[in-house]
Amino acid sequence: MDATQQQFVDLLVKQDVQVDERQLEQFELYFQELISWNERMNLTGITERDQVYIKHFYDSLTLAFHVDMTEVGRMIDVGSGAGFPGIPLKILFPHLKLTIVDSLNKRISFLQNLVNTLDLKGVTLVHSRAEDLARKVDHRDQYDLATARAVARLSVLNEFCLPFVKTGGHFVAMKGNDPTEELKEASYSLKELRGKVTNNYRLELPNDQSERHLIIIRKRSFTPNKYPRKAGTPLKTPLI
């Protein structure tokens, strides 16, 4: 184990999150595949190894500091891009039945290669717009947990993500800087989509102290039939 991995493991142990040898191997393979594919397609602007471990892997796993992942069965990661936060969470919590939805097929190709390389079981990759997928019965109101990291403003994310969540389940929006304004703006969409903010956790990433926020939203009841609206509408005309 080198210094980068040691720091990664130590930081997680401080949060009572354990990483075994096989999982460390998977994270290293993940890093190698990410960099290799990044030469052919734009997956990330962060390519330094120590930065990838902190700003992608560790950052993704901060969700587990505030959500009991052992109680999550089905999880959907919306607009996952290069697999964050879904794949790091799946590596550490292999019991998760993970679905990743992304609108760009080449990203799905990367993720399929990644899932095969890391030998991850119970991962479903879907090339679709979130608004279209959430209309399908096997996805609508079905998930214990939905996540989105750096995808859109909260008023838009609520319409992308809450329709997937079962009543009593949670949507966690992973944000950068202080989301106070976004939370105010999102109050109408939360009401319409039957969501209630239960927590807004602030944390700082190690090394450069970048600010992060985890907005935890509980689904109060089933999604009304009119939502989500047709693909593209939430971004063009958010519920505000």
Protein backbone atom coordinates (compact mmCIF):
# COMPACT_ATOMS: atom_id res chain seq x y z
CA MET A 1 0.00 0.00 0.00
CA ASP A 2 1.48 3.35 -1.02
CA ALA A 3 1.01 6.78 0.61
CA THR A 4 -2.07 7.70 -1.47
CA GLN A 5 -3.88 4.48 -0.58
CA GLN A 6 -2.77 4.70 3.05
CA GLN A 7 -4.23 8.19 3.40
CA PHE A 8 -7.45 7.03 1.71
CA VAL A 9 -7.80 4.07 4.09
CA ASP A 10 -6.92 6.16 7.17
CA LEU A 11 -9.48 8.84 6.28
CA LEU A 12 -12.20 6.24 5.88
CA VAL A 13 -11.28 4.42 9.11
CA LYS A 14 -11.75 7.75 10.94
CA GLN A 15 -15.35 7.62 9.74
CA ASP A 16 -15.77 3.95 10.77
CA VAL A 17 -15.69 2.84 7.14
CA GLN A 18 -13.50 -0.22 6.51
CA VAL A 19 -11.72 -1.05 3.24
CA ASP A 20 -10.32 -4.52 2.57
CA GLU A 21 -7.49 -5.55 0.25
CA ARG A 22 -9.76 -6.59 -2.62
CA GLN A 23 -11.64 -3.29 -2.45
CA LEU A 24 -8.35 -1.37 -2.55
CA GLU A 25 -7.41 -3.34 -5.68
CA GLN A 26 -10.75 -2.37 -7.23
CA PHE A 27 -10.19 1.31 -6.50
CA GLU A 28 -6.74 1.13 -8.10
CA LEU A 29 -8.17 -0.62 -11.18
CA TYR A 30 -10.88 2.04 -11.29
CA PHE A 31 -8.22 4.77 -11.31
CA GLN A 32 -6.29 3.04 -14.13
CA GLU A 33 -9.39 2.55 -16.30
CA LEU A 34 -10.53 6.13 -15.68
CA ILE A 35 -7.20 7.56 -16.84
CA SER A 36 -6.94 5.17 -19.79
CA TRP A 37 -10.43 6.00 -21.10
CA ASN A 38 -10.02 9.68 -20.30
CA GLU A 39 -7.43 9.88 -23.09
CA ARG A 40 -10.18 8.96 -25.58
CA MET A 41 -13.18 10.73 -24.04
CA ASN A 42 -13.69 13.52 -21.56
CA LEU A 43 -14.63 11.78 -18.29
CA THR A 44 -12.85 13.98 -15.77
CA GLY A 45 -10.59 17.01 -15.51
CA ILE A 46 -9.02 15.50 -12.39
CA THR A 47 -6.31 13.01 -13.37
CA GLU A 48 -3.60 13.19 -10.67
CA ARG A 49 -3.78 9.92 -8.72
CA ASP A 50 -3.91 11.45 -5.23
CA GLN A 51 -6.56 13.91 -6.42
CA VAL A 52 -8.71 11.15 -7.96
CA TYR A 53 -8.60 9.23 -4.67
CA ILE A 54 -9.73 12.28 -2.66
CA LYS A 55 -11.89 14.33 -5.04
CA HIS A 56 -13.66 11.40 -6.69
CA PHE A 57 -13.40 8.25 -4.55
CA TYR A 58 -13.40 9.74 -1.04
CA ASP A 59 -15.84 12.47 -2.04
CA SER A 60 -18.28 9.83 -3.35
CA LEU A 61 -18.00 7.84 -0.13
CA THR A 62 -18.81 10.80 2.14
CA LEU A 63 -22.44 9.87 1.51
CA ALA A 64 -21.90 6.74 3.61
CA PHE A 65 -20.86 8.89 6.59
CA HIS A 66 -24.44 10.17 6.88
CA VAL A 67 -26.59 7.44 5.31
CA ASP A 68 -26.67 3.90 6.71
CA MET A 69 -25.78 2.04 3.51
CA THR A 70 -26.43 -1.34 5.16
CA GLU A 71 -30.13 -0.43 5.10
CA VAL A 72 -30.13 0.47 1.39
CA GLY A 73 -31.15 -2.30 -1.01
CA ARG A 74 -31.84 -0.66 -4.38
CA MET A 75 -29.93 2.48 -5.30
CA ILE A 76 -30.04 4.61 -8.46
CA ASP A 77 -27.32 7.05 -9.47
CA VAL A 78 -28.65 9.70 -11.88
CA GLY A 79 -26.28 11.34 -14.38
CA SER A 80 -23.39 9.37 -12.96
CA GLY A 81 -20.84 10.38 -15.60
CA ALA A 82 -17.67 8.42 -14.79
CA GLY A 83 -19.51 6.45 -12.08
CA PHE A 84 -19.56 8.86 -9.13
CA PRO A 85 -20.82 8.32 -6.48
CA GLY A 86 -22.43 4.98 -7.45
CA ILE A 87 -19.41 2.80 -8.28
CA PRO A 88 -17.26 3.74 -5.22
CA LEU A 89 -20.30 3.05 -3.00
CA LYS A 90 -20.89 -0.29 -4.75
CA ILE A 91 -17.23 -1.27 -4.23
CA LEU A 92 -17.50 -0.68 -0.47
CA PHE A 93 -21.05 -1.99 -0.12
CA PRO A 94 -21.27 -4.94 -2.53
CA HIS A 95 -24.81 -5.88 -1.40
CA LEU A 96 -26.21 -2.80 -3.18
CA LYS A 97 -28.39 -3.40 -6.22
CA LEU A 98 -27.13 -0.42 -8.19
CA THR A 99 -28.71 1.16 -11.27
CA ILE A 100 -26.86 3.91 -13.11
CA VAL A 101 -28.69 6.04 -15.66
CA ASP A 102 -26.83 8.33 -18.05
CA SER A 103 -27.95 10.03 -21.25
CA LEU A 104 -24.60 9.61 -23.02
CA ASN A 105 -24.00 6.16 -24.50
CA LYS A 106 -20.20 6.44 -24.57
CA ARG A 107 -20.21 6.97 -20.79
CA ILE A 108 -22.35 3.84 -20.43
CA SER A 109 -19.72 2.00 -22.54
CA PHE A 110 -17.00 3.13 -20.14
CA LEU A 111 -19.09 2.07 -17.14
CA GLN A 112 -19.83 -1.34 -18.67
CA ASN A 113 -16.11 -1.92 -19.19
CA LEU A 114 -15.48 -0.75 -15.60
CA VAL A 115 -18.13 -3.07 -14.11
CA ASN A 116 -16.60 -6.00 -16.04
CA THR A 117 -13.01 -5.09 -15.07
CA LEU A 118 -13.88 -4.70 -11.37
CA ASP A 119 -16.09 -7.83 -11.48
CA LEU A 120 -19.04 -6.02 -9.88
CA LYS A 121 -22.30 -7.96 -9.63
CA GLY A 122 -25.77 -6.48 -9.34
CA VAL A 123 -25.10 -3.35 -11.42
CA THR A 124 -27.56 -2.27 -14.14
CA LEU A 125 -26.48 0.41 -16.61
CA VAL A 126 -29.19 2.26 -18.51
CA HIS A 127 -28.70 4.60 -21.45
CA SER A 128 -31.67 6.94 -21.03
CA ARG A 129 -32.85 10.35 -19.95
CA ALA A 130 -33.85 10.24 -16.28
CA GLU A 131 -37.27 11.70 -17.15
CA ASP A 132 -38.02 8.81 -19.54
CA LEU A 133 -36.77 6.06 -17.24
CA ALA A 134 -38.74 7.34 -14.25
CA ARG A 135 -41.97 6.77 -16.21
CA LYS A 136 -41.31 3.01 -16.34
CA VAL A 137 -43.05 0.91 -13.69
CA ASP A 138 -39.99 -1.11 -12.71
CA HIS A 139 -38.13 2.12 -11.84
CA ARG A 140 -40.83 4.53 -10.66
CA ASP A 141 -41.19 4.79 -6.84
CA GLN A 142 -38.90 1.73 -6.50
CA TYR A 143 -35.57 2.78 -4.99
CA ASP A 144 -34.43 3.11 -1.38
CA LEU A 145 -31.86 5.71 -2.41
CA ALA A 146 -31.28 8.03 -5.36
CA THR A 147 -28.11 10.07 -5.76
CA ALA A 148 -26.86 12.84 -8.03
CA ARG A 149 -23.46 14.50 -7.87
CA ALA A 150 -22.73 17.75 -9.71
CA VAL A 151 -25.57 17.30 -12.22
CA ALA A 152 -27.91 20.33 -12.00
CA ARG A 153 -29.56 22.77 -9.62
CA LEU A 154 -31.68 21.25 -6.88
CA SER A 155 -35.00 22.43 -8.36
CA VAL A 156 -34.16 20.37 -11.47
CA LEU A 157 -32.59 17.44 -9.60
CA ASN A 158 -35.73 16.93 -7.54
CA GLU A 159 -37.69 16.20 -10.72
CA PHE A 160 -34.91 13.98 -12.09
CA CYS A 161 -34.47 11.93 -8.92
CA LEU A 162 -37.45 11.91 -6.56
CA PRO A 163 -39.74 10.00 -8.98
CA PHE A 164 -37.39 7.00 -8.63
CA VAL A 165 -37.55 6.93 -4.82
CA LYS A 166 -40.01 4.80 -2.90
CA THR A 167 -42.12 6.37 -0.14
CA GLY A 168 -39.92 6.65 2.95
CA GLY A 169 -36.76 6.38 0.85
CA HIS A 170 -34.19 9.14 0.29
CA PHE A 171 -32.63 11.28 -2.40
CA VAL A 172 -29.18 12.66 -1.59
CA ALA A 173 -27.98 15.64 -3.63
CA MET A 174 -24.20 16.00 -3.44
CA LYS A 175 -23.30 19.67 -3.80
CA GLY A 176 -20.21 21.87 -3.70
CA ASN A 177 -20.50 25.35 -2.22
CA ASP A 178 -23.21 26.57 0.13
CA PRO A 179 -26.58 25.52 -1.39
CA THR A 180 -28.75 27.90 0.69
CA GLU A 181 -30.07 29.75 -2.38
CA GLU A 182 -30.72 26.48 -4.24
CA LEU A 183 -32.67 25.15 -1.27
CA LYS A 184 -34.89 28.24 -1.23
CA GLU A 185 -35.42 28.00 -4.98
CA ALA A 186 -36.24 24.27 -4.67
CA SER A 187 -39.05 24.63 -2.12
CA TYR A 188 -41.82 24.46 -4.74
CA SER A 189 -40.35 21.40 -6.51
CA LEU A 190 -39.97 19.63 -3.16
CA LYS A 191 -43.63 20.24 -2.39
CA GLU A 192 -44.78 19.09 -5.84
CA LEU A 193 -42.57 15.96 -5.81
CA ARG A 194 -43.38 15.00 -2.22
CA GLY A 195 -39.89 15.54 -0.83
CA LYS A 196 -38.81 16.98 2.50
CA VAL A 197 -35.26 18.10 3.37
CA THR A 198 -34.25 16.31 6.58
CA ASN A 199 -30.57 17.34 6.72
CA ASN A 200 -27.98 19.50 5.01
CA TYR A 201 -24.53 18.27 6.06
CA ARG A 202 -21.51 20.48 5.43
CA LEU A 203 -18.05 18.90 5.18
CA GLU A 204 -14.60 19.68 3.84
CA LEU A 205 -12.47 17.42 1.70
CA PRO A 206 -8.99 16.62 3.04
CA ASN A 207 -5.90 18.41 1.68
CA ASP A 208 -7.45 21.50 0.09
CA GLN A 209 -10.52 21.86 2.36
CA SER A 210 -12.95 22.09 -0.59
CA GLU A 211 -16.47 22.64 0.72
CA ARG A 212 -19.11 19.95 0.15
CA HIS A 213 -22.75 19.59 1.14
CA LEU A 214 -24.97 16.53 1.33
CA ILE A 215 -28.64 17.44 1.11
CA ILE A 216 -30.74 14.56 2.43
CA ILE A 217 -34.33 14.54 1.16
CA ARG A 218 -36.97 12.08 2.33
CA LYS A 219 -39.77 10.98 -0.04
CA ARG A 220 -43.11 11.49 1.72
CA SER A 221 -45.49 9.78 -0.74
CA PHE A 222 -45.91 8.51 -4.32
CA THR A 223 -44.92 10.70 -7.26
CA PRO A 224 -47.92 12.51 -8.82
CA ASN A 225 -48.73 11.20 -12.31
CA LYS A 226 -47.77 14.43 -14.10
CA TYR A 227 -44.12 14.09 -13.03
CA PRO A 228 -41.52 13.89 -14.33
CA ARG A 229 -42.44 16.05 -17.30
CA LYS A 230 -41.14 15.12 -20.75
CA ALA A 231 -37.38 14.89 -21.30
CA GLY A 232 -35.69 18.30 -21.42
CA THR A 233 -38.54 20.21 -19.78
CA PRO A 234 -37.18 20.20 -16.19
CA LEU A 235 -33.95 21.85 -17.35
CA LYS A 236 -35.71 24.39 -19.58
CA THR A 237 -38.50 25.27 -17.16
CA PRO A 238 -37.63 24.18 -13.60
CA LEU A 239 -40.36 23.89 -10.98
CA ILE A 240 -39.78 27.22 -9.23
